[in-house]
Amino acid sequence: MATSSYTEPYRSSAIPQTGFYCLLYLANALIGMASISVTITYIMQLYNAVMRRNALGLSMNVMTRDTADAAVLLAGLGPQGRFDTGYTVVANLGASLTTIKEAHHLYPLLFFYRPYHPASSIPRIAFIALDAVTLLRTALDDGEYRWLKESAAVESLGGLAAILVKTLQCTFIPGAAQKPTSGRSRRAATMRGARATGPRCASSNRQASACGPTRTTERSSTHGCGRSGIRTSSASHATWTTTLP
């Protein structure tokens, strides 16, 4: 008598029998697939943003010759007093800061991806950008470089660096953000500040002291701008004065 070697395949006992458990198993599978996809996509975006931030930090570090001194950056932006290509560099730095700021806004975990080298850290990037904008607005001659001081590229670089610092503050110090003001009150405050701290505040230290509390810091590197052919304002040869908010 012939015998059959066929073996019935194993059947799992965890098979949903009712409609509720069928829907539960289906939802579980969909949620699992979505979670895996979202996690992989999020991690990939994080590492792409980290790469862009490190690239920007390395670029600014090389521009300052590994000194984090904005005066060195300023001298490199305008060699022999020519800021034609330097304006493009400032605009590109502002565009890179826009990408970095939005990446940190969408992915707050980026703040916890601390680089090994301080050149790629957000505080150093923001410091160089804010310092460079301050020197561009205060140290250069008004007559020759007024077009650069009032350009949208300089405004973008300084504004985005300040917004990035505020984003960093709101991430680590919840509730530190100020209450947003309306557009009309913000414009009125801007006009009052422009009248109070206009171009006269940058003409001399004596007039700048009347505009409010100031911080005066010795900047010997500013003399390097004069040696590189950049015409600086008369007040910036001795000191660099910044009006504190």
Foldseek 3Di string as FASTA:
>chain_A
DDDDPDDDDDDDPPDDDDPVVVVVVVVVVVVVVVVVVVVVVVVVLLVVLLVLLQVLLVVVCVCQVNPLQLLSNVCVCQFLARNPVSLVVLLVSLVSLVSNQVSCVVPVCSQVPDDPDCSSHLVSSLSSLQNNLLCLQQWADCVPCVCVNPDPSSVSSNVSSVSSVVSVCCSVPPPPDDDDDDPVVVVVVVVVLCVLCPPVLRQAVVSVVVSADKDKDADCSSVVSVVSNTHTHPHVNGIRIDHDD
